[in-house]
């Protein structure tokens, strides 16, 4: 069954209570954060806490770890600590070249996916080369806070100054067969802004959204799941192409619309997402 990444929740690895609660959350993925969420003097303690959490397991969601960059004093030790643990994925921050992707990839255990942060002007300018760095690269995550600060952007709910870069990240991801994860909403009490950004991100083609609070999970899951209307239209397209009249035809009429084989492929993908979103996840007790 398709694995969804509608909701990707950051958790400070230094907060054992948050990690324990995360085992029972309905996020599609959780990230134990060793980077921005952890103060410099707490890095070693957070690293050990992440190791302990991965060893204990029990998460309903896929689990990743955001390490510190290899250009910091903690990055190499972070990756070394994960060598025998095999999280589902590792997130590497502030990647600005395909060479940087390969340097991190060379230190990952076999079978562990690499997700990278796109959060600097250089990373955006080099998106095609970075996204084409090859396996085990699996996802591009937009880091809005760092990127916005470096670009001196003033962002409202519609994120107008960011729109060219939203499209660029998705295009690079799609061009190289990667996931695209939208950036965070810092205002954890602003449900309207969260919903607006989630719907906008989906409209741009993102697979899901990075989150910083459990209260944001349901909104992201809803926005990045097919609506009942979309499911009905997809089923209509599939049924139309399944009839004898559709045999050998590249385009047919469905209601008042002309649809092609590419629409059939899109309908199958949407129905696969719907099936995955509708399947209850086995949630470990908190």
C-alpha atoms as a PDB file:
ATOM      1  CA  UNK A   1       0.000   0.000   0.000  1.00  0.00           C
ATOM      2  CA  UNK A   2       1.140   3.542  -0.720  1.00  0.00           C
ATOM      3  CA  UNK A   3       2.962   5.285   2.143  1.00  0.00           C
ATOM      4  CA  UNK A   4       1.659   8.794   2.744  1.00  0.00           C
ATOM      5  CA  UNK A   5       3.635  11.800   3.952  1.00  0.00           C
ATOM      6  CA  UNK A   6       0.774  14.224   4.551  1.00  0.00           C
ATOM      7  CA  UNK A   7       1.931  15.158   8.051  1.00  0.00           C
ATOM      8  CA  UNK A   8       5.602  15.230   9.066  1.00  0.00           C
ATOM      9  CA  UNK A   9       5.995  16.241  12.718  1.00  0.00           C
ATOM     10  CA  UNK A  10       9.229  17.597  14.186  1.00  0.00           C
ATOM     11  CA  UNK A  11       9.949  16.616  17.794  1.00  0.00           C
ATOM     12  CA  UNK A  12      12.868  17.864  19.902  1.00  0.00           C
ATOM     13  CA  UNK A  13      14.892  14.741  20.603  1.00  0.00           C
ATOM     14  CA  UNK A  14      15.755  16.325  23.950  1.00  0.00           C
ATOM     15  CA  UNK A  15      12.098  16.121  25.080  1.00  0.00           C
ATOM     16  CA  UNK A  16      11.349  12.539  26.214  1.00  0.00           C
ATOM     17  CA  UNK A  17       7.735  13.390  27.097  1.00  0.00           C
ATOM     18  CA  UNK A  18       7.048  14.618  23.560  1.00  0.00           C
ATOM     19  CA  UNK A  19       8.657  11.514  22.093  1.00  0.00           C
ATOM     20  CA  UNK A  20       6.573   9.232  24.290  1.00  0.00           C
ATOM     21  CA  UNK A  21       3.360  10.978  23.237  1.00  0.00           C
ATOM     22  CA  UNK A  22       4.409  10.822  19.587  1.00  0.00           C
ATOM     23  CA  UNK A  23       4.203   7.037  19.623  1.00  0.00           C
ATOM     24  CA  UNK A  24       0.425   7.314  19.614  1.00  0.00           C
ATOM     25  CA  UNK A  25      -0.027  10.248  17.234  1.00  0.00           C
ATOM     26  CA  UNK A  26      -1.663  10.044  13.822  1.00  0.00           C
ATOM     27  CA  UNK A  27       1.167  11.738  11.925  1.00  0.00           C
ATOM     28  CA  UNK A  28       2.427   9.950   8.835  1.00  0.00           C
ATOM     29  CA  UNK A  29       6.026  10.568   9.900  1.00  0.00           C
ATOM     30  CA  UNK A  30       7.839  11.983  12.909  1.00  0.00           C
ATOM     31  CA  UNK A  31      11.301  13.512  12.964  1.00  0.00           C
ATOM     32  CA  UNK A  32      13.444  13.374  16.078  1.00  0.00           C
ATOM     33  CA  UNK A  33      15.245  16.697  15.770  1.00  0.00           C
ATOM     34  CA  UNK A  34      18.879  17.068  16.791  1.00  0.00           C
ATOM     35  CA  UNK A  35      19.388  20.355  14.963  1.00  0.00           C
ATOM     36  CA  UNK A  36      17.370  23.574  15.355  1.00  0.00           C
ATOM     37  CA  UNK A  37      15.195  22.352  18.234  1.00  0.00           C
ATOM     38  CA  UNK A  38      18.177  21.496  20.452  1.00  0.00           C
ATOM     39  CA  UNK A  39      20.519  23.950  22.184  1.00  0.00           C
ATOM     40  CA  UNK A  40      24.268  23.450  21.617  1.00  0.00           C
ATOM     41  CA  UNK A  41      24.910  22.316  25.179  1.00  0.00           C
ATOM     42  CA  UNK A  42      22.158  19.683  24.906  1.00  0.00           C
ATOM     43  CA  UNK A  43      23.247  18.083  21.615  1.00  0.00           C
ATOM     44  CA  UNK A  44      24.945  15.014  23.088  1.00  0.00           C
ATOM     45  CA  UNK A  45      22.053  14.332  25.460  1.00  0.00           C
ATOM     46  CA  UNK A  46      19.529  14.716  22.639  1.00  0.00           C
ATOM     47  CA  UNK A  47      21.526  12.346  20.441  1.00  0.00           C
ATOM     48  CA  UNK A  48      21.423   9.665  23.119  1.00  0.00           C
ATOM     49  CA  UNK A  49      17.706  10.264  23.633  1.00  0.00           C
ATOM     50  CA  UNK A  50      17.122   9.719  19.908  1.00  0.00           C
ATOM     51  CA  UNK A  51      19.139   6.503  20.040  1.00  0.00           C
ATOM     52  CA  UNK A  52      17.080   5.320  23.011  1.00  0.00           C
ATOM     53  CA  UNK A  53      13.786   6.197  21.279  1.00  0.00           C
ATOM     54  CA  UNK A  54      14.738   4.358  18.090  1.00  0.00           C
ATOM     55  CA  UNK A  55      15.910   1.351  20.074  1.00  0.00           C
ATOM     56  CA  UNK A  56      12.647   1.227  22.025  1.00  0.00           C
ATOM     57  CA  UNK A  57      10.512   1.636  18.876  1.00  0.00           C
ATOM     58  CA  UNK A  58       6.730   1.487  19.211  1.00  0.00           C
ATOM     59  CA  UNK A  59       5.935   4.349  16.829  1.00  0.00           C
ATOM     60  CA  UNK A  60       2.847   4.133  14.646  1.00  0.00           C
ATOM     61  CA  UNK A  61       4.429   6.544  12.160  1.00  0.00           C
ATOM     62  CA  UNK A  62       7.610   6.271  10.179  1.00  0.00           C
ATOM     63  CA  UNK A  63      10.488   7.712  12.177  1.00  0.00           C
ATOM     64  CA  UNK A  64      13.351   9.855  10.967  1.00  0.00           C
ATOM     65  CA  UNK A  65      16.131  11.832  12.610  1.00  0.00           C
ATOM     66  CA  UNK A  66      17.232  15.315  11.603  1.00  0.00           C
ATOM     67  CA  UNK A  67      20.953  15.395  12.198  1.00  0.00           C
ATOM     68  CA  UNK A  68      23.225  18.390  12.432  1.00  0.00           C
ATOM     69  CA  UNK A  69      25.154  19.298   9.300  1.00  0.00           C
ATOM     70  CA  UNK A  70      28.483  17.639   8.598  1.00  0.00           C
ATOM     71  CA  UNK A  71      30.026  21.110   8.682  1.00  0.00           C
ATOM     72  CA  UNK A  72      29.215  21.354  12.411  1.00  0.00           C
ATOM     73  CA  UNK A  73      30.973  19.739  15.353  1.00  0.00           C
ATOM     74  CA  UNK A  74      28.015  17.410  15.946  1.00  0.00           C
ATOM     75  CA  UNK A  75      27.085  16.130  12.491  1.00  0.00           C
ATOM     76  CA  UNK A  76      29.553  13.261  12.137  1.00  0.00           C
ATOM     77  CA  UNK A  77      28.747  11.964  15.627  1.00  0.00           C
ATOM     78  CA  UNK A  78      25.008  12.173  14.903  1.00  0.00           C
ATOM     79  CA  UNK A  79      25.362   9.989  11.817  1.00  0.00           C
ATOM     80  CA  UNK A  80      27.720   7.561  13.546  1.00  0.00           C
ATOM     81  CA  UNK A  81      25.206   7.078  16.361  1.00  0.00           C
ATOM     82  CA  UNK A  82      22.556   6.009  13.845  1.00  0.00           C
ATOM     83  CA  UNK A  83      24.735   3.511  12.000  1.00  0.00           C
ATOM     84  CA  UNK A  84      23.287   0.410  13.677  1.00  0.00           C
ATOM     85  CA  UNK A  85      19.762   1.690  14.321  1.00  0.00           C
ATOM     86  CA  UNK A  86      18.277   2.109  10.852  1.00  0.00           C
ATOM     87  CA  UNK A  87      15.635   4.828  11.220  1.00  0.00           C
ATOM     88  CA  UNK A  88      13.249   5.000   8.284  1.00  0.00           C
ATOM     89  CA  UNK A  89      15.001   8.118   7.037  1.00  0.00           C
ATOM     90  CA  UNK A  90      17.580  10.733   7.987  1.00  0.00           C
ATOM     91  CA  UNK A  91      17.060  14.453   7.383  1.00  0.00           C
ATOM     92  CA  UNK A  92      20.126  16.533   6.558  1.00  0.00           C
ATOM     93  CA  UNK A  93      19.888  20.341   6.870  1.00  0.00           C
ATOM     94  CA  UNK A  94      21.156  23.193   4.706  1.00  0.00           C
ATOM     95  CA  UNK A  95      22.281  21.068   1.775  1.00  0.00           C
ATOM     96  CA  UNK A  96      23.699  23.290  -0.977  1.00  0.00           C
ATOM     97  CA  UNK A  97      25.278  20.894  -3.485  1.00  0.00           C
ATOM     98  CA  UNK A  98      24.993  17.342  -4.840  1.00  0.00           C
ATOM     99  CA  UNK A  99      28.393  16.656  -3.299  1.00  0.00           C
ATOM    100  CA  UNK A 100      26.969  17.457   0.135  1.00  0.00           C
ATOM    101  CA  UNK A 101      24.143  14.980  -0.517  1.00  0.00           C
ATOM    102  CA  UNK A 102      26.641  12.260  -1.392  1.00  0.00           C
ATOM    103  CA  UNK A 103      28.787  12.975   1.670  1.00  0.00           C
ATOM    104  CA  UNK A 104      25.837  12.361   3.958  1.00  0.00           C
ATOM    105  CA  UNK A 105      24.596   9.403   1.914  1.00  0.00           C
ATOM    106  CA  UNK A 106      27.966   7.687   2.238  1.00  0.00           C
ATOM    107  CA  UNK A 107      27.542   7.599   6.019  1.00  0.00           C
ATOM    108  CA  UNK A 108      24.022   6.146   6.055  1.00  0.00           C
ATOM    109  CA  UNK A 109      23.256   2.474   6.700  1.00  0.00           C
ATOM    110  CA  UNK A 110      21.978   0.541   3.704  1.00  0.00           C
ATOM    111  CA  UNK A 111      18.242   0.885   3.278  1.00  0.00           C
ATOM    112  CA  UNK A 112      17.918   4.228   5.100  1.00  0.00           C
ATOM    113  CA  UNK A 113      16.397   6.989   2.961  1.00  0.00           C
ATOM    114  CA  UNK A 114      17.833  10.496   2.892  1.00  0.00           C
ATOM    115  CA  UNK A 115      15.596  13.552   3.089  1.00  0.00           C
ATOM    116  CA  UNK A 116      17.273  16.920   2.645  1.00  0.00           C
ATOM    117  CA  UNK A 117      16.360  20.449   3.654  1.00  0.00           C
ATOM    118  CA  UNK A 118      16.071  23.089   0.937  1.00  0.00           C
ATOM    119  CA  UNK A 119      16.503  26.218   3.016  1.00  0.00           C
ATOM    120  CA  UNK A 120      19.136  28.526   1.538  1.00  0.00           C
ATOM    121  CA  UNK A 121      19.281  30.651  -1.617  1.00  0.00           C
ATOM    122  CA  UNK A 122      22.074  28.462  -3.003  1.00  0.00           C
ATOM    123  CA  UNK A 123      20.099  25.284  -2.428  1.00  0.00           C
ATOM    124  CA  UNK A 124      17.203  26.736  -4.424  1.00  0.00           C
ATOM    125  CA  UNK A 125      19.460  27.924  -7.238  1.00  0.00           C
ATOM    126  CA  UNK A 126      21.007  24.433  -7.477  1.00  0.00           C
ATOM    127  CA  UNK A 127      17.807  22.447  -7.057  1.00  0.00           C
ATOM    128  CA  UNK A 128      18.067  20.367 -10.229  1.00  0.00           C
ATOM    129  CA  UNK A 129      21.619  19.213  -9.517  1.00  0.00           C
ATOM    130  CA  UNK A 130      20.867  18.531  -5.858  1.00  0.00           C
ATOM    131  CA  UNK A 131      17.647  16.632  -6.575  1.00  0.00           C
ATOM    132  CA  UNK A 132      19.492  14.549  -9.159  1.00  0.00           C
ATOM    133  CA  UNK A 133      22.184  13.388  -6.736  1.00  0.00           C
ATOM    134  CA  UNK A 134      20.706   9.878  -6.748  1.00  0.00           C
ATOM    135  CA  UNK A 135      19.835   7.204  -4.192  1.00  0.00           C
ATOM    136  CA  UNK A 136      19.243   7.121  -1.283  1.00  0.00           C
ATOM    137  CA  UNK A 137      17.878  10.654  -1.706  1.00  0.00           C
ATOM    138  CA  UNK A 138      14.094  10.365  -1.362  1.00  0.00           C
ATOM    139  CA  UNK A 139      12.624  13.748  -0.389  1.00  0.00           C
ATOM    140  CA  UNK A 140      13.054  17.507  -0.558  1.00  0.00           C
ATOM    141  CA  UNK A 141      11.837  19.412   2.499  1.00  0.00           C
ATOM    142  CA  UNK A 142      11.340  23.152   2.215  1.00  0.00           C
ATOM    143  CA  UNK A 143      12.845  25.018   5.158  1.00  0.00           C
ATOM    144  CA  UNK A 144      10.827  28.218   5.098  1.00  0.00           C
ATOM    145  CA  UNK A 145      12.193  29.845   8.249  1.00  0.00           C
ATOM    146  CA  UNK A 146      15.841  29.779   7.209  1.00  0.00           C
ATOM    147  CA  UNK A 147      15.109  30.545   3.571  1.00  0.00           C
ATOM    148  CA  UNK A 148      12.788  33.422   4.413  1.00  0.00           C
ATOM    149  CA  UNK A 149      15.305  34.945   6.806  1.00  0.00           C
ATOM    150  CA  UNK A 150      18.175  34.738   4.320  1.00  0.00           C
ATOM    151  CA  UNK A 151      16.025  36.183   1.539  1.00  0.00           C
ATOM    152  CA  UNK A 152      14.550  38.946   3.745  1.00  0.00           C
ATOM    153  CA  UNK A 153      11.046  37.782   2.824  1.00  0.00           C
ATOM    154  CA  UNK A 154       7.899  39.114   4.493  1.00  0.00           C
ATOM    155  CA  UNK A 155       5.414  36.255   4.383  1.00  0.00           C
ATOM    156  CA  UNK A 156       1.669  36.499   4.931  1.00  0.00           C
ATOM    157  CA  UNK A 157      -0.820  33.611   4.837  1.00  0.00           C
ATOM    158  CA  UNK A 158      -0.787  33.520   1.017  1.00  0.00           C
ATOM    159  CA  UNK A 159       3.047  33.414   0.939  1.00  0.00           C
ATOM    160  CA  UNK A 160       3.151  35.486  -2.260  1.00  0.00           C
ATOM    161  CA  UNK A 161       6.952  36.096  -2.264  1.00  0.00           C
ATOM    162  CA  UNK A 162       7.543  32.369  -1.827  1.00  0.00           C
ATOM    163  CA  UNK A 163       5.393  31.065  -4.681  1.00  0.00           C
ATOM    164  CA  UNK A 164       8.160  30.792  -7.320  1.00  0.00           C
ATOM    165  CA  UNK A 165      10.244  28.720  -4.918  1.00  0.00           C
ATOM    166  CA  UNK A 166       7.320  26.514  -3.912  1.00  0.00           C
ATOM    167  CA  UNK A 167       6.881  25.615  -7.566  1.00  0.00           C
ATOM    168  CA  UNK A 168      10.631  25.152  -8.047  1.00  0.00           C
ATOM    169  CA  UNK A 169      10.918  22.670  -5.178  1.00  0.00           C
ATOM    170  CA  UNK A 170       7.983  20.607  -6.433  1.00  0.00           C
ATOM    171  CA  UNK A 171       9.291  20.651 -10.008  1.00  0.00           C
ATOM    172  CA  UNK A 172      12.712  19.420  -8.880  1.00  0.00           C
ATOM    173  CA  UNK A 173      11.150  16.701  -6.755  1.00  0.00           C
ATOM    174  CA  UNK A 174       8.828  15.509  -9.512  1.00  0.00           C
ATOM    175  CA  UNK A 175      11.580  15.666 -12.109  1.00  0.00           C
ATOM    176  CA  UNK A 176      13.718  13.287 -10.073  1.00  0.00           C
ATOM    177  CA  UNK A 177      11.064  11.060  -8.512  1.00  0.00           C
ATOM    178  CA  UNK A 178      11.291  12.489  -4.998  1.00  0.00           C
ATOM    179  CA  UNK A 179       8.779  13.477  -2.342  1.00  0.00           C
ATOM    180  CA  UNK A 180       8.159  17.189  -1.772  1.00  0.00           C
ATOM    181  CA  UNK A 181       7.345  18.354   1.767  1.00  0.00           C
ATOM    182  CA  UNK A 182       6.177  21.925   2.402  1.00  0.00           C
ATOM    183  CA  UNK A 183       7.542  24.034   5.261  1.00  0.00           C
ATOM    184  CA  UNK A 184       6.162  24.738   8.718  1.00  0.00           C
ATOM    185  CA  UNK A 185       3.578  27.161  10.089  1.00  0.00           C
ATOM    186  CA  UNK A 186       5.072  28.751  13.200  1.00  0.00           C
ATOM    187  CA  UNK A 187       1.760  30.054  14.590  1.00  0.00           C
ATOM    188  CA  UNK A 188       0.539  26.866  16.246  1.00  0.00           C
ATOM    189  CA  UNK A 189      -2.699  28.541  17.393  1.00  0.00           C
ATOM    190  CA  UNK A 190      -3.673  29.862  13.938  1.00  0.00           C
ATOM    191  CA  UNK A 191      -5.865  27.114  12.486  1.00  0.00           C
ATOM    192  CA  UNK A 192      -6.993  29.247   9.538  1.00  0.00           C
ATOM    193  CA  UNK A 193      -3.448  29.971   8.416  1.00  0.00           C
ATOM    194  CA  UNK A 194      -2.495  26.320   8.769  1.00  0.00           C
ATOM    195  CA  UNK A 195      -5.433  25.213   6.641  1.00  0.00           C
ATOM    196  CA  UNK A 196      -4.718  27.919   4.052  1.00  0.00           C
ATOM    197  CA  UNK A 197      -1.080  26.893   3.737  1.00  0.00           C
ATOM    198  CA  UNK A 198      -1.905  23.184   3.622  1.00  0.00           C
ATOM    199  CA  UNK A 199      -4.425  23.667   0.823  1.00  0.00           C
ATOM    200  CA  UNK A 200      -2.021  25.947  -1.012  1.00  0.00           C
ATOM    201  CA  UNK A 201       0.780  23.422  -0.640  1.00  0.00           C
ATOM    202  CA  UNK A 202      -1.385  20.662  -2.012  1.00  0.00           C
ATOM    203  CA  UNK A 203      -2.420  22.882  -4.926  1.00  0.00           C
ATOM    204  CA  UNK A 204       1.264  23.405  -5.722  1.00  0.00           C
ATOM    205  CA  UNK A 205       1.784  19.635  -5.715  1.00  0.00           C
ATOM    206  CA  UNK A 206       3.448  19.004  -2.360  1.00  0.00           C
ATOM    207  CA  UNK A 207       2.948  15.572  -0.803  1.00  0.00           C
ATOM    208  CA  UNK A 208       2.575  16.902   2.728  1.00  0.00           C
ATOM    209  CA  UNK A 209       3.574  19.519   5.274  1.00  0.00           C
ATOM    210  CA  UNK A 210       6.183  19.822   7.991  1.00  0.00           C
ATOM    211  CA  UNK A 211       4.611  20.403  11.401  1.00  0.00           C
ATOM    212  CA  UNK A 212       5.853  21.598  14.774  1.00  0.00           C
ATOM    213  CA  UNK A 213       2.903  20.734  17.033  1.00  0.00           C
ATOM    214  CA  UNK A 214       0.633  17.674  17.334  1.00  0.00           C
ATOM    215  CA  UNK A 215      -2.431  19.936  17.076  1.00  0.00           C
ATOM    216  CA  UNK A 216      -1.505  20.555  13.423  1.00  0.00           C
ATOM    217  CA  UNK A 217      -1.646  16.892  12.359  1.00  0.00           C
ATOM    218  CA  UNK A 218      -5.351  16.511  11.599  1.00  0.00           C
ATOM    219  CA  UNK A 219      -5.481  19.616   9.405  1.00  0.00           C
ATOM    220  CA  UNK A 220      -2.524  18.445   7.338  1.00  0.00           C
ATOM    221  CA  UNK A 221      -3.906  14.931   6.985  1.00  0.00           C
ATOM    222  CA  UNK A 222      -7.250  16.304   5.823  1.00  0.00           C
ATOM    223  CA  UNK A 223      -5.820  18.808   3.350  1.00  0.00           C
ATOM    224  CA  UNK A 224      -3.460  16.322   1.718  1.00  0.00           C
ATOM    225  CA  UNK A 225      -6.048  13.537   1.474  1.00  0.00           C
ATOM    226  CA  UNK A 226      -8.364  13.281  -1.553  1.00  0.00           C
ATOM    227  CA  UNK A 227     -11.777  14.846  -0.966  1.00  0.00           C
ATOM    228  CA  UNK A 228     -14.983  12.823  -1.509  1.00  0.00           C
ATOM    229  CA  UNK A 229     -15.603  14.811  -4.690  1.00  0.00           C
ATOM    230  CA  UNK A 230     -12.143  13.994  -6.028  1.00  0.00           C
ATOM    231  CA  UNK A 231     -12.611  10.315  -5.228  1.00  0.00           C
ATOM    232  CA  UNK A 232     -15.967  10.262  -7.022  1.00  0.00           C
ATOM    233  CA  UNK A 233     -14.492  11.905 -10.124  1.00  0.00           C
ATOM    234  CA  UNK A 234     -11.537   9.507 -10.139  1.00  0.00           C
ATOM    235  CA  UNK A 235     -13.815   6.488  -9.912  1.00  0.00           C
ATOM    236  CA  UNK A 236     -15.891   7.876 -12.757  1.00  0.00           C
ATOM    237  CA  UNK A 237     -12.810   8.164 -14.961  1.00  0.00           C
ATOM    238  CA  UNK A 238     -11.634   4.642 -14.110  1.00  0.00           C
ATOM    239  CA  UNK A 239     -15.074   3.208 -14.806  1.00  0.00           C
ATOM    240  CA  UNK A 240     -15.341   5.034 -18.123  1.00  0.00           C
ATOM    241  CA  UNK A 241     -12.025   3.691 -19.374  1.00  0.00           C
ATOM    242  CA  UNK A 242     -12.992   0.192 -18.266  1.00  0.00           C
ATOM    243  CA  UNK A 243     -15.910   0.014 -20.678  1.00  0.00           C
ATOM    244  CA  UNK A 244     -15.649  -1.601 -24.076  1.00  0.00           C
ATOM    245  CA  UNK A 245     -15.993   1.765 -25.788  1.00  0.00           C
ATOM    246  CA  UNK A 246     -12.747   2.911 -24.208  1.00  0.00           C
ATOM    247  CA  UNK A 247     -10.657   0.059 -25.616  1.00  0.00           C
ATOM    248  CA  UNK A 248      -7.819   1.423 -27.654  1.00  0.00           C
ATOM    249  CA  UNK A 249      -8.880   5.018 -27.292  1.00  0.00           C
ATOM    250  CA  UNK A 250      -6.528   7.680 -26.051  1.00  0.00           C
ATOM    251  CA  UNK A 251      -9.278  10.097 -25.077  1.00  0.00           C
ATOM    252  CA  UNK A 252     -12.948   9.692 -24.166  1.00  0.00           C
ATOM    253  CA  UNK A 253     -15.787  11.828 -22.912  1.00  0.00           C
ATOM    254  CA  UNK A 254     -16.695  11.554 -19.233  1.00  0.00           C
ATOM    255  CA  UNK A 255     -19.746  13.677 -18.574  1.00  0.00           C
ATOM    256  CA  UNK A 256     -18.941  17.077 -20.036  1.00  0.00           C
ATOM    257  CA  UNK A 257     -15.166  16.525 -19.967  1.00  0.00           C
ATOM    258  CA  UNK A 258     -12.703  15.024 -22.398  1.00  0.00           C
ATOM    259  CA  UNK A 259     -10.213  12.877 -20.502  1.00  0.00           C
ATOM    260  CA  UNK A 260      -7.041  11.180 -21.689  1.00  0.00           C
ATOM    261  CA  UNK A 261      -4.928   8.273 -20.500  1.00  0.00           C
ATOM    262  CA  UNK A 262      -2.899  10.665 -18.360  1.00  0.00           C
ATOM    263  CA  UNK A 263      -6.099  11.458 -16.456  1.00  0.00           C
ATOM    264  CA  UNK A 264      -6.645   7.729 -15.948  1.00  0.00           C
ATOM    265  CA  UNK A 265      -3.154   7.406 -14.478  1.00  0.00           C
ATOM    266  CA  UNK A 266      -3.841  10.368 -12.196  1.00  0.00           C
ATOM    267  CA  UNK A 267      -7.146   8.810 -11.129  1.00  0.00           C
ATOM    268  CA  UNK A 268      -5.429   5.564 -10.167  1.00  0.00           C
ATOM    269  CA  UNK A 269      -2.839   7.482  -8.114  1.00  0.00           C
ATOM    270  CA  UNK A 270      -5.536   9.484  -6.351  1.00  0.00           C
ATOM    271  CA  UNK A 271      -7.504   6.343  -5.499  1.00  0.00           C
ATOM    272  CA  UNK A 272      -4.347   4.741  -4.126  1.00  0.00           C
ATOM    273  CA  UNK A 273      -3.866   7.779  -1.877  1.00  0.00           C
ATOM    274  CA  UNK A 274      -7.498   7.545  -0.814  1.00  0.00           C
ATOM    275  CA  UNK A 275      -7.105   3.872   0.090  1.00  0.00           C
ATOM    276  CA  UNK A 276      -3.985   4.604   2.123  1.00  0.00           C
ATOM    277  CA  UNK A 277      -5.641   7.550   3.879  1.00  0.00           C
ATOM    278  CA  UNK A 278      -8.719   5.462   4.681  1.00  0.00           C
ATOM    279  CA  UNK A 279      -6.822   2.539   6.190  1.00  0.00           C
ATOM    280  CA  UNK A 280      -6.654   2.783  10.005  1.00  0.00           C
ATOM    281  CA  UNK A 281      -3.131   2.904  11.345  1.00  0.00           C
ATOM    282  CA  UNK A 282      -2.144   0.646  14.192  1.00  0.00           C
ATOM    283  CA  UNK A 283      -1.412   3.141  16.936  1.00  0.00           C
ATOM    284  CA  UNK A 284       0.776   2.052  19.807  1.00  0.00           C
ATOM    285  CA  UNK A 285      -0.587   2.808  23.300  1.00  0.00           C
ATOM    286  CA  UNK A 286       0.861   5.922  24.923  1.00  0.00           C
END
